[in-house]
Amino acid sequence: MDQLSPFFARFALSARVFYSGQLCGISSDHESERAGHLHVLRSGTLRIVRPGKPMQVICEPSVLFYPRPMRHQFQASEEDGPELVCAQIEFGAGLLNPLVSSLPELLLVPLASMRELAPTVELLFAEAFGERSGRQAAVDRLAEYFLVLLLRSALDHQQVQAGVLSGLADPRLSKAITAMHERPEHAWTLVELARLAGMSRPQFAARFHEVVGATPFDYLTDWRIGAAQALLRKGEPLKMVAPAVGYAGSTALSRVFSKRMGVAPMEWLARNPV
């Protein structure tokens, strides 16, 4: 069962590497209205500074993923300047992506705990520090691939203890969640979802809320809204989007969309163009 592909099918992933090298002194603020950030530290000591937060010191090769826009700054000394690659990440930017919204504000993982990423790290740094033709395109695609591997590792090793990634790591819940992801247009019932999970309705509802942090139908609503947003951005008319994400018509979708997002679908689209 491929638990992650529905996210990449629904929500566009793009990376833009904007820095590679040895950091000395203080970096400029890493800040964006839409993008998260991926930082891969290969060596040295990195100090993370955030407004109103204590300084965080990273002393071993690590990956730092800020899934949502989050202002942060790095400090480094001349004696042990960190060697790193930094990228802006958009993963369904501006859309209701349940995976992104359920991740912690910083996913920090030592590279030593993810040996399977070592070849990609070496290739990423070789391209980032080189001057070969097509360098920017190569490092951008490698950063995207690296993020896929990171999320796969977080799922396989249960490194995230809440939200949909935690739910997908649960062998029983995963079957129901993946079914919702693959068929948002289906009129799912609690009976069907519980049957897929091999549980009674009360057991399924309680377990889902405990692990994912939302009721099954609240989660399904968020998934449908995110899918609707992605289709609207692609230029699909509202009347076609509604049945594709499980609503009888545009009026029904607009009502749920407005309640969840605070604005009607077309107003949201006008405020959030591609």
C-alpha atoms as a PDB file:
ATOM      1  CA  MET A   1       0.000   0.000   0.000  1.00  0.00           C
ATOM      2  CA  ASP A   2       1.426   3.384  -1.037  1.00  0.00           C
ATOM      3  CA  GLN A   3       0.334   5.786   1.693  1.00  0.00           C
ATOM      4  CA  LEU A   4       2.204   8.886   0.491  1.00  0.00           C
ATOM      5  CA  SER A   5       1.537   9.045  -3.251  1.00  0.00           C
ATOM      6  CA  PRO A   6      -2.007  10.480  -2.869  1.00  0.00           C
ATOM      7  CA  PHE A   7      -0.469  13.575  -1.254  1.00  0.00           C
ATOM      8  CA  PHE A   8       1.988  14.096  -4.094  1.00  0.00           C
ATOM      9  CA  ALA A   9      -0.767  13.483  -6.646  1.00  0.00           C
ATOM     10  CA  ARG A  10      -3.043  16.116  -5.070  1.00  0.00           C
ATOM     11  CA  PHE A  11      -0.539  18.720  -3.883  1.00  0.00           C
ATOM     12  CA  ALA A  12       2.282  20.019  -6.070  1.00  0.00           C
ATOM     13  CA  LEU A  13       5.755  19.667  -4.551  1.00  0.00           C
ATOM     14  CA  SER A  14       8.502  22.050  -5.623  1.00  0.00           C
ATOM     15  CA  ALA A  15      11.884  22.944  -4.164  1.00  0.00           C
ATOM     16  CA  ARG A  16      14.243  25.820  -4.843  1.00  0.00           C
ATOM     17  CA  VAL A  17      17.762  25.550  -3.429  1.00  0.00           C
ATOM     18  CA  PHE A  18      18.903  29.071  -2.547  1.00  0.00           C
ATOM     19  CA  TYR A  19      22.070  28.475  -0.518  1.00  0.00           C
ATOM     20  CA  SER A  20      24.880  25.939  -0.406  1.00  0.00           C
ATOM     21  CA  GLY A  21      28.200  26.376   1.330  1.00  0.00           C
ATOM     22  CA  GLN A  22      29.865  26.936   4.666  1.00  0.00           C
ATOM     23  CA  LEU A  23      28.078  29.410   6.888  1.00  0.00           C
ATOM     24  CA  CYS A  24      30.099  31.928   8.855  1.00  0.00           C
ATOM     25  CA  GLY A  25      28.477  34.545  11.082  1.00  0.00           C
ATOM     26  CA  ILE A  26      24.725  35.177  10.994  1.00  0.00           C
ATOM     27  CA  SER A  27      22.404  34.224   8.153  1.00  0.00           C
ATOM     28  CA  SER A  28      19.639  36.471   6.929  1.00  0.00           C
ATOM     29  CA  ASP A  29      16.130  35.611   8.125  1.00  0.00           C
ATOM     30  CA  HIS A  30      14.648  32.538   6.477  1.00  0.00           C
ATOM     31  CA  GLU A  31      11.104  33.747   5.973  1.00  0.00           C
ATOM     32  CA  SER A  32       8.391  33.245   3.365  1.00  0.00           C
ATOM     33  CA  GLU A  33       4.657  33.826   3.159  1.00  0.00           C
ATOM     34  CA  ARG A  34       4.004  30.524   1.377  1.00  0.00           C
ATOM     35  CA  ALA A  35       7.021  28.254   1.564  1.00  0.00           C
ATOM     36  CA  GLY A  36       8.534  25.994   4.158  1.00  0.00           C
ATOM     37  CA  HIS A  37      12.252  25.309   4.382  1.00  0.00           C
ATOM     38  CA  LEU A  38      14.507  22.281   4.137  1.00  0.00           C
ATOM     39  CA  HIS A  39      18.049  22.485   5.509  1.00  0.00           C
ATOM     40  CA  VAL A  40      20.556  19.645   5.263  1.00  0.00           C
ATOM     41  CA  LEU A  41      23.521  20.001   7.631  1.00  0.00           C
ATOM     42  CA  ARG A  42      26.498  17.851   6.611  1.00  0.00           C
ATOM     43  CA  SER A  43      29.086  19.037   9.136  1.00  0.00           C
ATOM     44  CA  GLY A  44      29.818  21.687  11.759  1.00  0.00           C
ATOM     45  CA  THR A  45      27.723  23.270  14.488  1.00  0.00           C
ATOM     46  CA  LEU A  46      24.542  25.173  13.679  1.00  0.00           C
ATOM     47  CA  ARG A  47      22.730  27.517  16.047  1.00  0.00           C
ATOM     48  CA  ILE A  48      19.062  28.213  15.328  1.00  0.00           C
ATOM     49  CA  VAL A  49      17.586  31.526  16.457  1.00  0.00           C
ATOM     50  CA  ARG A  50      13.837  32.170  16.469  1.00  0.00           C
ATOM     51  CA  PRO A  51      11.916  35.129  17.896  1.00  0.00           C
ATOM     52  CA  GLY A  52      10.821  34.403  21.447  1.00  0.00           C
ATOM     53  CA  LYS A  53      12.449  30.959  21.511  1.00  0.00           C
ATOM     54  CA  PRO A  54      15.639  29.717  23.209  1.00  0.00           C
ATOM     55  CA  MET A  55      18.614  29.146  20.914  1.00  0.00           C
ATOM     56  CA  GLN A  56      18.829  25.597  19.583  1.00  0.00           C
ATOM     57  CA  VAL A  57      22.251  24.078  18.878  1.00  0.00           C
ATOM     58  CA  ILE A  58      22.697  21.270  16.332  1.00  0.00           C
ATOM     59  CA  CYS A  59      26.060  19.503  16.624  1.00  0.00           C
ATOM     60  CA  GLU A  60      25.652  16.511  14.311  1.00  0.00           C
ATOM     61  CA  PRO A  61      24.745  16.058  10.635  1.00  0.00           C
ATOM     62  CA  SER A  62      20.984  16.494  10.476  1.00  0.00           C
ATOM     63  CA  VAL A  63      18.031  17.426   8.326  1.00  0.00           C
ATOM     64  CA  LEU A  64      15.790  20.273   9.442  1.00  0.00           C
ATOM     65  CA  PHE A  65      12.390  20.561   7.795  1.00  0.00           C
ATOM     66  CA  TYR A  66      10.067  23.488   8.495  1.00  0.00           C
ATOM     67  CA  PRO A  67       6.898  22.308   6.696  1.00  0.00           C
ATOM     68  CA  ARG A  68       5.129  25.659   7.032  1.00  0.00           C
ATOM     69  CA  PRO A  69       6.340  29.270   6.793  1.00  0.00           C
ATOM     70  CA  MET A  70       8.392  29.871   9.942  1.00  0.00           C
ATOM     71  CA  ARG A  71      10.806  32.728  10.546  1.00  0.00           C
ATOM     72  CA  HIS A  72      14.227  31.498  11.673  1.00  0.00           C
ATOM     73  CA  GLN A  73      17.888  32.481  11.502  1.00  0.00           C
ATOM     74  CA  PHE A  74      21.203  30.632  11.749  1.00  0.00           C
ATOM     75  CA  GLN A  75      24.388  31.551  13.599  1.00  0.00           C
ATOM     76  CA  ALA A  76      27.802  29.956  13.156  1.00  0.00           C
ATOM     77  CA  SER A  77      31.373  30.448  14.354  1.00  0.00           C
ATOM     78  CA  GLU A  78      34.490  30.698  12.192  1.00  0.00           C
ATOM     79  CA  GLU A  79      36.046  27.731  14.001  1.00  0.00           C
ATOM     80  CA  ASP A  80      33.279  25.256  13.224  1.00  0.00           C
ATOM     81  CA  GLY A  81      31.231  26.796  10.441  1.00  0.00           C
ATOM     82  CA  PRO A  82      28.427  24.463   9.316  1.00  0.00           C
ATOM     83  CA  GLU A  83      28.319  23.114   5.784  1.00  0.00           C
ATOM     84  CA  LEU A  84      24.762  23.001   4.568  1.00  0.00           C
ATOM     85  CA  VAL A  85      22.276  23.149   1.721  1.00  0.00           C
ATOM     86  CA  CYS A  86      19.108  25.233   2.115  1.00  0.00           C
ATOM     87  CA  ALA A  87      15.931  25.080   0.019  1.00  0.00           C
ATOM     88  CA  GLN A  88      12.510  26.658  -0.015  1.00  0.00           C
ATOM     89  CA  ILE A  89       9.776  24.023  -0.175  1.00  0.00           C
ATOM     90  CA  GLU A  90       6.254  24.460  -1.506  1.00  0.00           C
ATOM     91  CA  PHE A  91       4.031  21.425  -0.955  1.00  0.00           C
ATOM     92  CA  GLY A  92       0.562  22.464  -1.969  1.00  0.00           C
ATOM     93  CA  ALA A  93       1.397  26.020  -0.912  1.00  0.00           C
ATOM     94  CA  GLY A  94      -1.696  27.883   0.242  1.00  0.00           C
ATOM     95  CA  LEU A  95      -3.825  24.731   0.140  1.00  0.00           C
ATOM     96  CA  LEU A  96      -5.310  22.744   3.006  1.00  0.00           C
ATOM     97  CA  ASN A  97      -2.772  19.905   2.927  1.00  0.00           C
ATOM     98  CA  PRO A  98      -3.486  17.669   5.944  1.00  0.00           C
ATOM     99  CA  LEU A  99       0.016  16.202   5.857  1.00  0.00           C
ATOM    100  CA  VAL A 100       1.748  19.578   6.074  1.00  0.00           C
ATOM    101  CA  SER A 101      -0.660  20.936   8.670  1.00  0.00           C
ATOM    102  CA  SER A 102      -0.194  17.899  10.934  1.00  0.00           C
ATOM    103  CA  LEU A 103       3.616  17.933  10.982  1.00  0.00           C
ATOM    104  CA  PRO A 104       5.475  19.604  13.862  1.00  0.00           C
ATOM    105  CA  GLU A 105       6.744  23.138  13.224  1.00  0.00           C
ATOM    106  CA  LEU A 106      10.245  21.644  12.939  1.00  0.00           C
ATOM    107  CA  LEU A 107      11.016  18.070  11.959  1.00  0.00           C
ATOM    108  CA  LEU A 108      14.620  17.571  13.091  1.00  0.00           C
ATOM    109  CA  VAL A 109      16.211  14.210  12.329  1.00  0.00           C
ATOM    110  CA  PRO A 110      19.895  13.213  12.681  1.00  0.00           C
ATOM    111  CA  LEU A 111      21.208  11.824   9.411  1.00  0.00           C
ATOM    112  CA  ALA A 112      22.796   8.933  11.335  1.00  0.00           C
ATOM    113  CA  SER A 113      19.292   7.617  12.029  1.00  0.00           C
ATOM    114  CA  MET A 114      18.441   7.573   8.301  1.00  0.00           C
ATOM    115  CA  ARG A 115      21.267   5.643   6.635  1.00  0.00           C
ATOM    116  CA  GLU A 116      19.136   5.148   3.542  1.00  0.00           C
ATOM    117  CA  LEU A 117      19.413   8.891   2.819  1.00  0.00           C
ATOM    118  CA  ALA A 118      23.235   8.894   2.734  1.00  0.00           C
ATOM    119  CA  PRO A 119      23.636   8.411  -1.063  1.00  0.00           C
ATOM    120  CA  THR A 120      21.152  11.207  -1.778  1.00  0.00           C
ATOM    121  CA  VAL A 121      22.890  13.531   0.702  1.00  0.00           C
ATOM    122  CA  GLU A 122      26.228  12.966  -1.026  1.00  0.00           C
ATOM    123  CA  LEU A 123      24.723  13.525  -4.466  1.00  0.00           C
ATOM    124  CA  LEU A 124      22.901  16.662  -3.270  1.00  0.00           C
ATOM    125  CA  PHE A 125      26.100  18.175  -1.888  1.00  0.00           C
ATOM    126  CA  ALA A 126      28.161  17.149  -4.921  1.00  0.00           C
ATOM    127  CA  GLU A 127      25.736  18.971  -7.214  1.00  0.00           C
ATOM    128  CA  ALA A 128      25.217  21.939  -4.881  1.00  0.00           C
ATOM    129  CA  PHE A 129      28.940  22.584  -4.425  1.00  0.00           C
ATOM    130  CA  GLY A 130      29.807  21.939  -8.066  1.00  0.00           C
ATOM    131  CA  GLU A 131      29.556  24.130 -11.146  1.00  0.00           C
ATOM    132  CA  ARG A 132      28.277  21.668 -13.715  1.00  0.00           C
ATOM    133  CA  SER A 133      25.732  22.561 -16.358  1.00  0.00           C
ATOM    134  CA  GLY A 134      22.150  22.302 -15.153  1.00  0.00           C
ATOM    135  CA  ARG A 135      23.230  22.584 -11.520  1.00  0.00           C
ATOM    136  CA  GLN A 136      20.155  24.514 -10.301  1.00  0.00           C
ATOM    137  CA  ALA A 137      17.674  22.132 -11.904  1.00  0.00           C
ATOM    138  CA  ALA A 138      19.601  19.156 -10.525  1.00  0.00           C
ATOM    139  CA  VAL A 139      19.755  20.382  -6.925  1.00  0.00           C
ATOM    140  CA  ASP A 140      16.104  21.465  -6.961  1.00  0.00           C
ATOM    141  CA  ARG A 141      14.967  18.012  -8.101  1.00  0.00           C
ATOM    142  CA  LEU A 142      17.299  16.324  -5.602  1.00  0.00           C
ATOM    143  CA  ALA A 143      15.850  18.446  -2.784  1.00  0.00           C
ATOM    144  CA  GLU A 144      12.354  17.321  -3.802  1.00  0.00           C
ATOM    145  CA  TYR A 145      13.480  13.698  -3.866  1.00  0.00           C
ATOM    146  CA  PHE A 146      15.180  14.159  -0.500  1.00  0.00           C
ATOM    147  CA  LEU A 147      11.922  15.424   1.008  1.00  0.00           C
ATOM    148  CA  VAL A 148      10.034  12.395  -0.309  1.00  0.00           C
ATOM    149  CA  LEU A 149      12.653  10.149   1.324  1.00  0.00           C
ATOM    150  CA  LEU A 150      12.422  12.128   4.558  1.00  0.00           C
ATOM    151  CA  LEU A 151       8.643  11.750   4.755  1.00  0.00           C
ATOM    152  CA  ARG A 152       8.926   8.075   3.857  1.00  0.00           C
ATOM    153  CA  SER A 153      11.467   7.575   6.640  1.00  0.00           C
ATOM    154  CA  ALA A 154       9.300   9.497   9.115  1.00  0.00           C
ATOM    155  CA  LEU A 155       6.393   7.213   8.203  1.00  0.00           C
ATOM    156  CA  ASP A 156       8.386   3.965   8.277  1.00  0.00           C
ATOM    157  CA  HIS A 157      10.105   4.756  11.586  1.00  0.00           C
ATOM    158  CA  GLN A 158       7.085   6.477  13.185  1.00  0.00           C
ATOM    159  CA  GLN A 159       9.066   9.659  13.852  1.00  0.00           C
ATOM    160  CA  VAL A 160       5.885  11.768  13.964  1.00  0.00           C
ATOM    161  CA  GLN A 161       3.601  10.905  16.864  1.00  0.00           C
ATOM    162  CA  ALA A 162       0.458  12.807  15.855  1.00  0.00           C
ATOM    163  CA  GLY A 163      -1.603  13.712  12.806  1.00  0.00           C
ATOM    164  CA  VAL A 164      -2.195  11.868   9.579  1.00  0.00           C
ATOM    165  CA  LEU A 165       1.393  10.596   9.275  1.00  0.00           C
ATOM    166  CA  SER A 166       0.919   8.840  12.601  1.00  0.00           C
ATOM    167  CA  GLY A 167      -2.408   7.489  11.378  1.00  0.00           C
ATOM    168  CA  LEU A 168      -0.795   6.134   8.219  1.00  0.00           C
ATOM    169  CA  ALA A 169       1.785   4.340  10.359  1.00  0.00           C
ATOM    170  CA  ASP A 170      -1.033   2.477  12.121  1.00  0.00           C
ATOM    171  CA  PRO A 171      -1.619  -0.758  10.142  1.00  0.00           C
ATOM    172  CA  ARG A 172      -5.395  -0.696  10.647  1.00  0.00           C
ATOM    173  CA  LEU A 173      -6.121   3.018  10.376  1.00  0.00           C
ATOM    174  CA  SER A 174      -3.896   3.273   7.326  1.00  0.00           C
ATOM    175  CA  LYS A 175      -6.306   1.212   5.236  1.00  0.00           C
ATOM    176  CA  ALA A 176      -9.219   3.535   5.950  1.00  0.00           C
ATOM    177  CA  ILE A 177      -7.189   6.743   5.540  1.00  0.00           C
ATOM    178  CA  THR A 178      -5.704   5.618   2.232  1.00  0.00           C
ATOM    179  CA  ALA A 179      -9.172   4.717   0.958  1.00  0.00           C
ATOM    180  CA  MET A 180     -10.415   8.232   1.797  1.00  0.00           C
ATOM    181  CA  HIS A 181      -7.393   9.714   0.039  1.00  0.00           C
ATOM    182  CA  GLU A 182      -7.876   7.661  -3.099  1.00  0.00           C
ATOM    183  CA  ARG A 183     -11.667   8.126  -3.342  1.00  0.00           C
ATOM    184  CA  PRO A 184     -12.754  11.475  -1.877  1.00  0.00           C
ATOM    185  CA  GLU A 185     -15.793  11.407  -4.161  1.00  0.00           C
ATOM    186  CA  HIS A 186     -17.208   8.319  -2.412  1.00  0.00           C
ATOM    187  CA  ALA A 187     -19.988   8.798   0.165  1.00  0.00           C
ATOM    188  CA  TRP A 188     -18.027   7.218   2.981  1.00  0.00           C
ATOM    189  CA  THR A 189     -19.836   5.949   6.069  1.00  0.00           C
ATOM    190  CA  LEU A 190     -18.394   5.106   9.455  1.00  0.00           C
ATOM    191  CA  VAL A 191     -19.451   1.491   8.901  1.00  0.00           C
ATOM    192  CA  GLU A 192     -17.400   1.232   5.690  1.00  0.00           C
ATOM    193  CA  LEU A 193     -14.324   2.890   7.162  1.00  0.00           C
ATOM    194  CA  ALA A 194     -14.441   0.765  10.304  1.00  0.00           C
ATOM    195  CA  ARG A 195     -14.798  -2.367   8.184  1.00  0.00           C
ATOM    196  CA  LEU A 196     -11.702  -1.428   6.172  1.00  0.00           C
ATOM    197  CA  ALA A 197      -9.793  -1.009   9.422  1.00  0.00           C
ATOM    198  CA  GLY A 198     -11.093  -4.310  10.764  1.00  0.00           C
ATOM    199  CA  MET A 199     -12.622  -2.637  13.822  1.00  0.00           C
ATOM    200  CA  SER A 200     -16.024  -1.903  15.304  1.00  0.00           C
ATOM    201  CA  ARG A 201     -17.431   1.580  14.716  1.00  0.00           C
ATOM    202  CA  PRO A 202     -16.802   2.789  18.302  1.00  0.00           C
ATOM    203  CA  GLN A 203     -13.289   1.317  18.328  1.00  0.00           C
ATOM    204  CA  PHE A 204     -12.447   2.879  14.976  1.00  0.00           C
ATOM    205  CA  ALA A 205     -13.811   6.322  15.846  1.00  0.00           C
ATOM    206  CA  ALA A 206     -11.995   6.380  19.188  1.00  0.00           C
ATOM    207  CA  ARG A 207      -8.713   5.079  17.782  1.00  0.00           C
ATOM    208  CA  PHE A 208      -8.814   7.481  14.830  1.00  0.00           C
ATOM    209  CA  HIS A 209      -9.351  10.501  17.072  1.00  0.00           C
ATOM    210  CA  GLU A 210      -6.657   9.339  19.491  1.00  0.00           C
ATOM    211  CA  VAL A 211      -4.002   8.892  16.798  1.00  0.00           C
ATOM    212  CA  VAL A 212      -4.887  11.472  14.128  1.00  0.00           C
ATOM    213  CA  GLY A 213      -6.288  14.131  16.452  1.00  0.00           C
ATOM    214  CA  ALA A 214      -9.537  14.600  14.518  1.00  0.00           C
ATOM    215  CA  THR A 215     -12.715  12.652  13.908  1.00  0.00           C
ATOM    216  CA  PRO A 216     -12.786  10.549  10.716  1.00  0.00           C
ATOM    217  CA  PHE A 217     -15.265  12.886   9.054  1.00  0.00           C
ATOM    218  CA  ASP A 218     -13.497  16.077  10.106  1.00  0.00           C
ATOM    219  CA  TYR A 219     -10.349  14.657   8.535  1.00  0.00           C
ATOM    220  CA  LEU A 220     -12.254  13.599   5.412  1.00  0.00           C
ATOM    221  CA  THR A 221     -13.697  17.105   5.120  1.00  0.00           C
ATOM    222  CA  ASP A 222     -10.230  18.645   5.250  1.00  0.00           C
ATOM    223  CA  TRP A 223      -8.983  16.217   2.611  1.00  0.00           C
ATOM    224  CA  ARG A 224     -11.917  17.043   0.352  1.00  0.00           C
ATOM    225  CA  ILE A 225     -11.456  20.792   0.799  1.00  0.00           C
ATOM    226  CA  GLY A 226      -7.754  20.513  -0.028  1.00  0.00           C
ATOM    227  CA  ALA A 227      -8.549  18.424  -3.095  1.00  0.00           C
ATOM    228  CA  ALA A 228     -11.170  20.979  -4.170  1.00  0.00           C
ATOM    229  CA  GLN A 229      -8.658  23.811  -3.795  1.00  0.00           C
ATOM    230  CA  ALA A 230      -6.138  21.976  -5.953  1.00  0.00           C
ATOM    231  CA  LEU A 231      -8.733  21.390  -8.687  1.00  0.00           C
ATOM    232  CA  LEU A 232      -9.927  25.006  -8.589  1.00  0.00           C
ATOM    233  CA  ARG A 233      -6.349  26.191  -9.037  1.00  0.00           C
ATOM    234  CA  LYS A 234      -6.091  24.008 -12.113  1.00  0.00           C
ATOM    235  CA  GLY A 235      -9.045  25.866 -13.623  1.00  0.00           C
ATOM    236  CA  GLU A 236     -11.776  23.291 -13.018  1.00  0.00           C
ATOM    237  CA  PRO A 237     -15.259  24.860 -12.697  1.00  0.00           C
ATOM    238  CA  LEU A 238     -16.885  24.629  -9.282  1.00  0.00           C
ATOM    239  CA  LYS A 239     -19.807  22.566 -10.577  1.00  0.00           C
ATOM    240  CA  MET A 240     -17.334  19.909 -11.767  1.00  0.00           C
ATOM    241  CA  VAL A 241     -15.191  20.051  -8.642  1.00  0.00           C
ATOM    242  CA  ALA A 242     -18.092  19.380  -6.252  1.00  0.00           C
ATOM    243  CA  PRO A 243     -18.905  15.790  -7.329  1.00  0.00           C
ATOM    244  CA  ALA A 244     -15.210  15.000  -7.735  1.00  0.00           C
ATOM    245  CA  VAL A 245     -14.689  15.586  -4.014  1.00  0.00           C
ATOM    246  CA  GLY A 246     -17.880  14.046  -2.660  1.00  0.00           C
ATOM    247  CA  TYR A 247     -20.510  16.812  -2.737  1.00  0.00           C
ATOM    248  CA  ALA A 248     -23.839  16.725  -4.555  1.00  0.00           C
ATOM    249  CA  GLY A 249     -23.388  20.152  -6.111  1.00  0.00           C
ATOM    250  CA  SER A 250     -21.618  23.490  -5.951  1.00  0.00           C
ATOM    251  CA  THR A 251     -23.991  24.811  -3.268  1.00  0.00           C
ATOM    252  CA  ALA A 252     -23.184  21.950  -0.890  1.00  0.00           C
ATOM    253  CA  LEU A 253     -19.443  22.310  -1.476  1.00  0.00           C
ATOM    254  CA  SER A 254     -19.590  26.098  -1.064  1.00  0.00           C
ATOM    255  CA  ARG A 255     -21.368  25.765   2.259  1.00  0.00           C
ATOM    256  CA  VAL A 256     -18.782  23.362   3.713  1.00  0.00           C
ATOM    257  CA  PHE A 257     -15.871  25.237   2.125  1.00  0.00           C
ATOM    258  CA  SER A 258     -17.013  28.584   3.550  1.00  0.00           C
ATOM    259  CA  LYS A 259     -17.500  27.122   7.014  1.00  0.00           C
ATOM    260  CA  ARG A 260     -14.014  25.583   7.022  1.00  0.00           C
ATOM    261  CA  MET A 261     -12.046  28.338   5.249  1.00  0.00           C
ATOM    262  CA  GLY A 262     -14.051  31.441   6.175  1.00  0.00           C
ATOM    263  CA  VAL A 263     -14.588  32.458   2.541  1.00  0.00           C
ATOM    264  CA  ALA A 264     -16.468  31.062  -0.464  1.00  0.00           C
ATOM    265  CA  PRO A 265     -14.506  28.916  -2.954  1.00  0.00           C
ATOM    266  CA  MET A 266     -14.221  31.517  -5.714  1.00  0.00           C
ATOM    267  CA  GLU A 267     -13.263  34.250  -3.264  1.00  0.00           C
ATOM    268  CA  TRP A 268     -10.576  31.946  -1.885  1.00  0.00           C
ATOM    269  CA  LEU A 269      -9.310  31.308  -5.419  1.00  0.00           C
ATOM    270  CA  ALA A 270      -9.110  35.038  -6.149  1.00  0.00           C
ATOM    271  CA  ARG A 271      -7.014  35.515  -3.011  1.00  0.00           C
ATOM    272  CA  ASN A 272      -4.834  32.465  -3.635  1.00  0.00           C
ATOM    273  CA  PRO A 273      -3.870  32.274  -7.302  1.00  0.00           C
ATOM    274  CA  VAL A 274      -1.256  29.812  -8.463  1.00  0.00           C
END
